[in-house]
PDB file of N, CA and C in Angstrom:
ATOM      1  N   MET A   1      24.675  77.779  53.460  1.00  0.00           N
ATOM      2  CA  MET A   1      26.167  77.454  54.098  1.00  0.00           C
ATOM      3  C   MET A   1      27.235  77.405  52.864  1.00  0.00           C
ATOM      4  N   LYS A   2      26.604  77.593  51.718  1.00  0.00           N
ATOM      5  CA  LYS A   2      27.759  77.770  50.606  1.00  0.00           C
ATOM      6  C   LYS A   2      28.340  79.275  50.502  1.00  0.00           C
ATOM      7  N   GLY A   3      27.261  79.930  50.942  1.00  0.00           N
ATOM      8  CA  GLY A   3      27.597  81.536  51.246  1.00  0.00           C
ATOM      9  C   GLY A   3      28.631  81.774  52.338  1.00  0.00           C
ATOM     10  N   GLY A   4      28.811  81.143  53.361  1.00  0.00           N
ATOM     11  CA  GLY A   4      30.072  81.475  54.374  1.00  0.00           C
ATOM     12  C   GLY A   4      30.927  80.747  53.886  1.00  0.00           C
ATOM     13  N   SER A   5      31.145  79.396  52.992  1.00  0.00           N
ATOM     14  CA  SER A   5      32.385  79.246  52.287  1.00  0.00           C
ATOM     15  C   SER A   5      32.980  79.283  51.392  1.00  0.00           C
ATOM     16  N   VAL A   6      31.996  80.462  50.735  1.00  0.00           N
ATOM     17  CA  VAL A   6      32.935  81.426  49.803  1.00  0.00           C
ATOM     18  C   VAL A   6      33.404  82.975  50.335  1.00  0.00           C
ATOM     19  N   LEU A   7      32.367  83.359  51.611  1.00  0.00           N
ATOM     20  CA  LEU A   7      33.480  83.831  52.829  1.00  0.00           C
ATOM     21  C   LEU A   7      34.470  83.490  53.144  1.00  0.00           C
ATOM     22  N   VAL A   8      34.486  82.340  53.160  1.00  0.00           N
ATOM     23  CA  VAL A   8      35.968  82.061  54.159  1.00  0.00           C
ATOM     24  C   VAL A   8      37.080  82.094  52.923  1.00  0.00           C
ATOM     25  N   VAL A   9      36.968  81.820  51.492  1.00  0.00           N
ATOM     26  CA  VAL A   9      37.723  81.609  50.921  1.00  0.00           C
ATOM     27  C   VAL A   9      38.329  83.021  50.381  1.00  0.00           C
ATOM     28  N   ILE A  10      37.511  83.981  50.467  1.00  0.00           N
ATOM     29  CA  ILE A  10      37.856  85.268  49.810  1.00  0.00           C
ATOM     30  C   ILE A  10      38.421  86.089  51.260  1.00  0.00           C
ATOM     31  N   VAL A  11      38.082  86.017  52.121  1.00  0.00           N
ATOM     32  CA  VAL A  11      39.096  86.171  53.281  1.00  0.00           C
ATOM     33  C   VAL A  11      40.776  85.592  53.141  1.00  0.00           C
ATOM     34  N   LEU A  12      40.878  84.011  53.094  1.00  0.00           N
ATOM     35  CA  LEU A  12      41.766  83.922  52.834  1.00  0.00           C
ATOM     36  C   LEU A  12      42.647  84.940  52.025  1.00  0.00           C
ATOM     37  N   ILE A  13      42.245  84.531  50.982  1.00  0.00           N
ATOM     38  CA  ILE A  13      43.067  85.453  49.708  1.00  0.00           C
ATOM     39  C   ILE A  13      43.001  87.002  49.995  1.00  0.00           C
ATOM     40  N   VAL A  14      42.680  87.845  51.012  1.00  0.00           N
ATOM     41  CA  VAL A  14      42.705  88.974  51.337  1.00  0.00           C
ATOM     42  C   VAL A  14      44.395  88.540  52.091  1.00  0.00           C
ATOM     43  N   LEU A  15      44.153  87.960  52.900  1.00  0.00           N
ATOM     44  CA  LEU A  15      45.023  87.752  53.918  1.00  0.00           C
ATOM     45  C   LEU A  15      46.502  87.312  53.575  1.00  0.00           C
ATOM     46  N   GLY A  16      46.260  86.666  52.256  1.00  0.00           N
ATOM     47  CA  GLY A  16      47.130  86.034  51.162  1.00  0.00           C
ATOM     48  C   GLY A  16      47.435  87.455  50.877  1.00  0.00           C
ATOM     49  N   VAL A  17      47.071  87.811  50.040  1.00  0.00           N
ATOM     50  CA  VAL A  17      47.495  89.480  49.628  1.00  0.00           C
ATOM     51  C   VAL A  17      48.136  90.488  50.260  1.00  0.00           C
ATOM     52  N   TYR A  18      47.470  90.568  51.568  1.00  0.00           N
ATOM     53  CA  TYR A  18      48.291  91.522  52.467  1.00  0.00           C
ATOM     54  C   TYR A  18      49.258  91.210  52.967  1.00  0.00           C
ATOM     55  N   GLY A  19      49.440  89.608  53.305  1.00  0.00           N
ATOM     56  CA  GLY A  19      51.065  88.997  53.487  1.00  0.00           C
ATOM     57  C   GLY A  19      51.963  89.565  52.461  1.00  0.00           C
ATOM     58  N   SER A  20      51.794  89.115  51.466  1.00  0.00           N
ATOM     59  CA  SER A  20      52.195  89.124  50.072  1.00  0.00           C
ATOM     60  C   SER A  20      53.009  90.696  50.345  1.00  0.00           C
ATOM     61  N   LEU A  21      52.095  91.493  50.354  1.00  0.00           N
ATOM     62  CA  LEU A  21      52.081  92.995  50.342  1.00  0.00           C
ATOM     63  C   LEU A  21      53.226  93.748  51.239  1.00  0.00           C
ATOM     64  N   ASN A  22      53.258  92.826  52.748  1.00  0.00           N
ATOM     65  CA  ASN A  22      53.854  93.745  53.642  1.00  0.00           C
ATOM     66  C   ASN A  22      55.150  92.727  54.066  1.00  0.00           C
ATOM     67  N   TYR A  23      54.687  91.588  53.346  1.00  0.00           N
ATOM     68  CA  TYR A  23      56.946  90.766  53.969  1.00  0.00           C
ATOM     69  C   TYR A  23      57.185  90.066  53.290  1.00  0.00           C
ATOM     70  N   HIS A  24      58.526  90.501  53.223  1.00  0.00           N
ATOM     71  CA  HIS A  24      59.179  89.329  52.964  1.00  0.00           C
ATOM     72  C   HIS A  24      59.746  87.883  53.060  1.00  0.00           C
ATOM     73  N   PHE A  25      59.490  86.776  52.808  1.00  0.00           N
ATOM     74  CA  PHE A  25      59.464  85.834  53.016  1.00  0.00           C
ATOM     75  C   PHE A  25      60.805  84.808  52.642  1.00  0.00           C
ATOM     76  N   ILE A  26      61.585  84.666  53.626  1.00  0.00           N
ATOM     77  CA  ILE A  26      62.823  84.247  53.190  1.00  0.00           C
ATOM     78  C   ILE A  26      62.818  82.978  54.034  1.00  0.00           C
ATOM     79  N   LEU A  27      63.190  82.068  53.181  1.00  0.00           N
ATOM     80  CA  LEU A  27      63.293  80.696  53.263  1.00  0.00           C
ATOM     81  C   LEU A  27      65.068  80.389  53.180  1.00  0.00           C
ATOM     82  N   MET A  28      65.222  79.914  54.550  1.00  0.00           N
ATOM     83  CA  MET A  28      66.632  79.608  54.809  1.00  0.00           C
ATOM     84  C   MET A  28      67.350  77.960  55.091  1.00  0.00           C
ATOM     85  N   ASP A  29      67.949  77.611  55.507  1.00  0.00           N
ATOM     86  CA  ASP A  29      68.194  75.819  55.546  1.00  0.00           C
ATOM     87  C   ASP A  29      68.077  75.247  56.263  1.00  0.00           C
ATOM     88  N   SER A  30      67.300  75.942  57.623  1.00  0.00           N
ATOM     89  CA  SER A  30      66.163  75.158  58.619  1.00  0.00           C
ATOM     90  C   SER A  30      65.277  76.122  58.917  1.00  0.00           C
ATOM     91  N   SER A  31      64.706  76.983  58.323  1.00  0.00           N
ATOM     92  CA  SER A  31      63.651  77.665  58.690  1.00  0.00           C
ATOM     93  C   SER A  31      62.642  78.891  57.588  1.00  0.00           C
ATOM     94  N   VAL A  32      61.864  79.565  57.768  1.00  0.00           N
ATOM     95  CA  VAL A  32      61.515  80.653  56.933  1.00  0.00           C
ATOM     96  C   VAL A  32      61.375  81.406  57.998  1.00  0.00           C
ATOM     97  N   LYS A  33      61.611  82.867  57.733  1.00  0.00           N
ATOM     98  CA  LYS A  33      61.436  83.567  58.425  1.00  0.00           C
ATOM     99  C   LYS A  33      60.726  84.864  57.686  1.00  0.00           C
ATOM    100  N   ALA A  34      60.120  85.899  58.443  1.00  0.00           N
ATOM    101  CA  ALA A  34      59.805  86.576  57.578  1.00  0.00           C
ATOM    102  C   ALA A  34      60.048  88.035  58.091  1.00  0.00           C
ATOM    103  N   LEU A  35      60.044  89.135  56.990  1.00  0.00           N
ATOM    104  CA  LEU A  35      60.703  90.016  57.208  1.00  0.00           C
ATOM    105  C   LEU A  35      59.763  91.552  57.196  1.00  0.00           C
ATOM    106  N   LYS A  36      59.442  92.677  57.914  1.00  0.00           N
ATOM    107  CA  LYS A  36      58.658  93.531  57.063  1.00  0.00           C
ATOM    108  C   LYS A  36      58.979  94.481  56.753  1.00  0.00           C
ATOM    109  N   LYS A  37      58.511  94.603  55.115  1.00  0.00           N
ATOM    110  CA  LYS A  37      58.655  95.657  54.295  1.00  0.00           C
ATOM    111  C   LYS A  37      58.636  97.213  54.511  1.00  0.00           C
ATOM    112  N   THR A  38      59.462  97.553  54.024  1.00  0.00           N
ATOM    113  CA  THR A  38      59.326  98.876  54.128  1.00  0.00           C
ATOM    114  C   THR A  38      58.358  99.661  53.465  1.00  0.00           C
ATOM    115  N   GLU A  39      57.934  98.959  52.233  1.00  0.00           N
ATOM    116  CA  GLU A  39      56.531  99.505  51.488  1.00  0.00           C
ATOM    117  C   GLU A  39      55.547  98.628  50.750  1.00  0.00           C
ATOM    118  N   MET A  40      54.864  98.933  50.210  1.00  0.00           N
ATOM    119  CA  MET A  40      54.304  97.794  49.767  1.00  0.00           C
ATOM    120  C   MET A  40      54.180  97.290  48.275  1.00  0.00           C
ATOM    121  N   SER A  41      54.898  96.662  48.249  1.00  0.00           N
ATOM    122  CA  SER A  41      55.301  95.626  46.931  1.00  0.00           C
ATOM    123  C   SER A  41      55.057  94.264  46.922  1.00  0.00           C
ATOM    124  N   LEU A  42      55.584  93.810  45.184  1.00  0.00           N
ATOM    125  CA  LEU A  42      55.457  91.954  45.621  1.00  0.00           C
ATOM    126  C   LEU A  42      57.031  91.683  45.561  1.00  0.00           C
ATOM    127  N   GLU A  43      57.690  93.234  45.471  1.00  0.00           N
ATOM    128  CA  GLU A  43      59.191  92.861  44.993  1.00  0.00           C
ATOM    129  C   GLU A  43      59.739  92.037  46.110  1.00  0.00           C
ATOM    130  N   TYR A  44      60.778  90.946  45.737  1.00  0.00           N
ATOM    131  CA  TYR A  44      60.971  89.798  46.902  1.00  0.00           C
ATOM    132  C   TYR A  44      60.470  89.930  47.963  1.00  0.00           C
ATOM    133  N   THR A  45      59.040  89.108  47.773  1.00  0.00           N
ATOM    134  CA  THR A  45      58.393  88.782  48.274  1.00  0.00           C
ATOM    135  C   THR A  45      58.702  87.733  48.919  1.00  0.00           C
ATOM    136  N   PHE A  46      59.472  86.066  47.823  1.00  0.00           N
ATOM    137  CA  PHE A  46      59.980  84.981  48.618  1.00  0.00           C
ATOM    138  C   PHE A  46      61.252  85.109  47.778  1.00  0.00           C
ATOM    139  N   VAL A  47      61.878  84.982  48.894  1.00  0.00           N
ATOM    140  CA  VAL A  47      63.686  84.802  48.606  1.00  0.00           C
ATOM    141  C   VAL A  47      63.962  83.301  48.862  1.00  0.00           C
ATOM    142  N   ASP A  48      64.529  82.800  48.170  1.00  0.00           N
ATOM    143  CA  ASP A  48      65.139  81.644  48.544  1.00  0.00           C
ATOM    144  C   ASP A  48      66.578  81.651  48.926  1.00  0.00           C
ATOM    145  N   ALA A  49      67.087  81.393  50.233  1.00  0.00           N
ATOM    146  CA  ALA A  49      68.256  81.533  50.862  1.00  0.00           C
ATOM    147  C   ALA A  49      68.962  80.323  51.180  1.00  0.00           C
ATOM    148  N   ARG A  50      68.394  79.451  50.405  1.00  0.00           N
ATOM    149  CA  ARG A  50      69.377  78.109  50.981  1.00  0.00           C
ATOM    150  C   ARG A  50      70.352  77.816  50.490  1.00  0.00           C
ATOM    151  N   GLY A  51      71.124  77.844  51.435  1.00  0.00           N
ATOM    152  CA  GLY A  51      72.674  77.620  50.840  1.00  0.00           C
ATOM    153  C   GLY A  51      73.441  78.863  50.343  1.00  0.00           C
ATOM    154  N   MET A  52      72.601  80.128  50.608  1.00  0.00           N
ATOM    155  CA  MET A  52      73.189  81.050  49.914  1.00  0.00           C
ATOM    156  C   MET A  52      74.219  82.459  51.086  1.00  0.00           C
ATOM    157  N   LYS A  53      75.031  82.888  50.053  1.00  0.00           N
ATOM    158  CA  LYS A  53      76.445  83.700  51.337  1.00  0.00           C
ATOM    159  C   LYS A  53      75.249  84.776  51.917  1.00  0.00           C
ATOM    160  N   LYS A  54      75.920  85.288  52.348  1.00  0.00           N
ATOM    161  CA  LYS A  54      74.929  86.176  53.512  1.00  0.00           C
ATOM    162  C   LYS A  54      75.514  87.579  52.521  1.00  0.00           C
ATOM    163  N   ALA A  55      76.351  87.493  52.335  1.00  0.00           N
ATOM    164  CA  ALA A  55      76.591  88.594  51.421  1.00  0.00           C
ATOM    165  C   ALA A  55      75.862  88.856  50.307  1.00  0.00           C
ATOM    166  N   LYS A  56      75.563  87.858  49.738  1.00  0.00           N
ATOM    167  CA  LYS A  56      74.560  87.970  48.380  1.00  0.00           C
ATOM    168  C   LYS A  56      73.303  88.658  48.742  1.00  0.00           C
ATOM    169  N   LEU A  57      72.948  88.166  50.019  1.00  0.00           N
ATOM    170  CA  LEU A  57      71.678  88.687  50.179  1.00  0.00           C
ATOM    171  C   LEU A  57      71.676  90.621  50.825  1.00  0.00           C
ATOM    172  N   PHE A  58      72.905  90.806  51.499  1.00  0.00           N
ATOM    173  CA  PHE A  58      73.280  91.992  51.746  1.00  0.00           C
ATOM    174  C   PHE A  58      73.465  93.314  50.166  1.00  0.00           C
ATOM    175  N   LEU A  59      73.064  92.600  49.180  1.00  0.00           N
ATOM    176  CA  LEU A  59      73.375  92.997  47.830  1.00  0.00           C
ATOM    177  C   LEU A  59      72.091  93.470  47.306  1.00  0.00           C
ATOM    178  N   VAL A  60      70.792  92.945  48.079  1.00  0.00           N
ATOM    179  CA  VAL A  60      69.983  93.612  47.618  1.00  0.00           C
ATOM    180  C   VAL A  60      69.225  94.666  48.413  1.00  0.00           C
ATOM    181  N   PRO A  61      69.110  95.651  47.556  1.00  0.00           N
ATOM    182  CA  PRO A  61      68.796  97.229  48.284  1.00  0.00           C
ATOM    183  C   PRO A  61      67.836  97.146  49.077  1.00  0.00           C
ATOM    184  N   THR A  62      66.654  96.489  48.398  1.00  0.00           N
ATOM    185  CA  THR A  62      65.127  96.379  49.286  1.00  0.00           C
ATOM    186  C   THR A  62      65.131  95.561  50.578  1.00  0.00           C
ATOM    187  N   LEU A  63      66.118  94.287  50.025  1.00  0.00           N
ATOM    188  CA  LEU A  63      66.244  93.629  51.731  1.00  0.00           C
ATOM    189  C   LEU A  63      66.963  94.388  52.467  1.00  0.00           C
ATOM    190  N   VAL A  64      68.435  95.096  52.499  1.00  0.00           N
ATOM    191  CA  VAL A  64      69.110  95.683  53.317  1.00  0.00           C
ATOM    192  C   VAL A  64      68.026  96.917  54.077  1.00  0.00           C
ATOM    193  N   LYS A  65      67.050  97.783  52.766  1.00  0.00           N
ATOM    194  CA  LYS A  65      66.552  98.690  53.374  1.00  0.00           C
ATOM    195  C   LYS A  65      65.449  97.872  54.614  1.00  0.00           C
ATOM    196  N   ALA A  66      64.985  96.874  54.296  1.00  0.00           N
ATOM    197  CA  ALA A  66      63.495  96.148  55.204  1.00  0.00           C
ATOM    198  C   ALA A  66      64.317  95.538  56.448  1.00  0.00           C
ATOM    199  N   GLY A  67      66.208  95.225  56.454  1.00  0.00           N
ATOM    200  CA  GLY A  67      66.185  94.947  57.486  1.00  0.00           C
ATOM    201  C   GLY A  67      67.054  93.363  57.455  1.00  0.00           C
ATOM    202  N   ILE A  68      67.826  93.320  56.425  1.00  0.00           N
ATOM    203  CA  ILE A  68      68.185  91.387  56.244  1.00  0.00           C
ATOM    204  C   ILE A  68      69.012  91.441  57.370  1.00  0.00           C
ATOM    205  N   LYS A  69      70.010  92.317  58.143  1.00  0.00           N
ATOM    206  CA  LYS A  69      71.004  91.961  58.724  1.00  0.00           C
ATOM    207  C   LYS A  69      70.056  91.118  60.113  1.00  0.00           C
ATOM    208  N   ASP A  70      69.109  92.199  60.383  1.00  0.00           N
ATOM    209  CA  ASP A  70      67.846  91.445  61.764  1.00  0.00           C
ATOM    210  C   ASP A  70      67.824  90.240  61.578  1.00  0.00           C
ATOM    211  N   VAL A  71      67.920  89.222  60.244  1.00  0.00           N
ATOM    212  CA  VAL A  71      67.412  88.000  60.193  1.00  0.00           C
ATOM    213  C   VAL A  71      68.442  87.286  60.688  1.00  0.00           C
ATOM    214  N   PHE A  72      69.673  87.515  60.697  1.00  0.00           N
ATOM    215  CA  PHE A  72      70.539  87.270  60.770  1.00  0.00           C
ATOM    216  C   PHE A  72      71.479  87.030  62.281  1.00  0.00           C
ATOM    217  N   THR A  73      70.365  88.223  62.963  1.00  0.00           N
ATOM    218  CA  THR A  73      70.835  88.334  64.697  1.00  0.00           C
ATOM    219  C   THR A  73      69.527  87.893  65.155  1.00  0.00           C
ATOM    220  N   ASP A  74      68.594  86.933  64.895  1.00  0.00           N
ATOM    221  CA  ASP A  74      67.565  86.312  65.669  1.00  0.00           C
ATOM    222  C   ASP A  74      66.400  87.630  65.862  1.00  0.00           C
ATOM    223  N   ASP A  75      66.438  89.313  65.084  1.00  0.00           N
ATOM    224  CA  ASP A  75      65.074  89.920  65.452  1.00  0.00           C
ATOM    225  C   ASP A  75      63.898  89.550  64.609  1.00  0.00           C
ATOM    226  N   SER A  76      63.767  88.718  64.183  1.00  0.00           N
ATOM    227  CA  SER A  76      62.875  88.214  62.767  1.00  0.00           C
ATOM    228  C   SER A  76      61.838  87.445  63.508  1.00  0.00           C
ATOM    229  N   ILE A  77      60.876  87.231  62.625  1.00  0.00           N
ATOM    230  CA  ILE A  77      59.715  86.280  62.870  1.00  0.00           C
ATOM    231  C   ILE A  77      60.537  84.810  62.299  1.00  0.00           C
ATOM    232  N   GLU A  78      60.435  83.982  63.134  1.00  0.00           N
ATOM    233  CA  GLU A  78      61.033  82.667  62.175  1.00  0.00           C
ATOM    234  C   GLU A  78      59.980  81.462  62.793  1.00  0.00           C
ATOM    235  N   VAL A  79      59.685  80.851  61.740  1.00  0.00           N
ATOM    236  CA  VAL A  79      58.875  79.714  61.504  1.00  0.00           C
ATOM    237  C   VAL A  79      60.125  78.329  61.137  1.00  0.00           C
ATOM    238  N   GLY A  80      60.040  77.635  62.425  1.00  0.00           N
ATOM    239  CA  GLY A  80      60.837  76.319  61.952  1.00  0.00           C
ATOM    240  C   GLY A  80      60.183  75.481  61.425  1.00  0.00           C
ATOM    241  N   LYS A  81      61.110  74.647  60.665  1.00  0.00           N
ATOM    242  CA  LYS A  81      60.592  72.972  59.795  1.00  0.00           C
ATOM    243  C   LYS A  81      59.750  72.546  60.561  1.00  0.00           C
TER     244      LYS A  81
END
């Protein structure tokens, strides 16, 4: 039984690393949105955009390349609170 729980922990860690390398998670005022990255990296994995103006997000080249504008037009994945 112990070997099974270790395997579950390893799988969860691998999925967390995969998600961190491939998605931007943007915390908005009322939800969390996931935006697919254009290349695997840890740059701007978690972005706190609560109370932030859209223009400030549009100045980050990594987010613009990934399509940050789609976040505000509901073309992205959204997880509500």
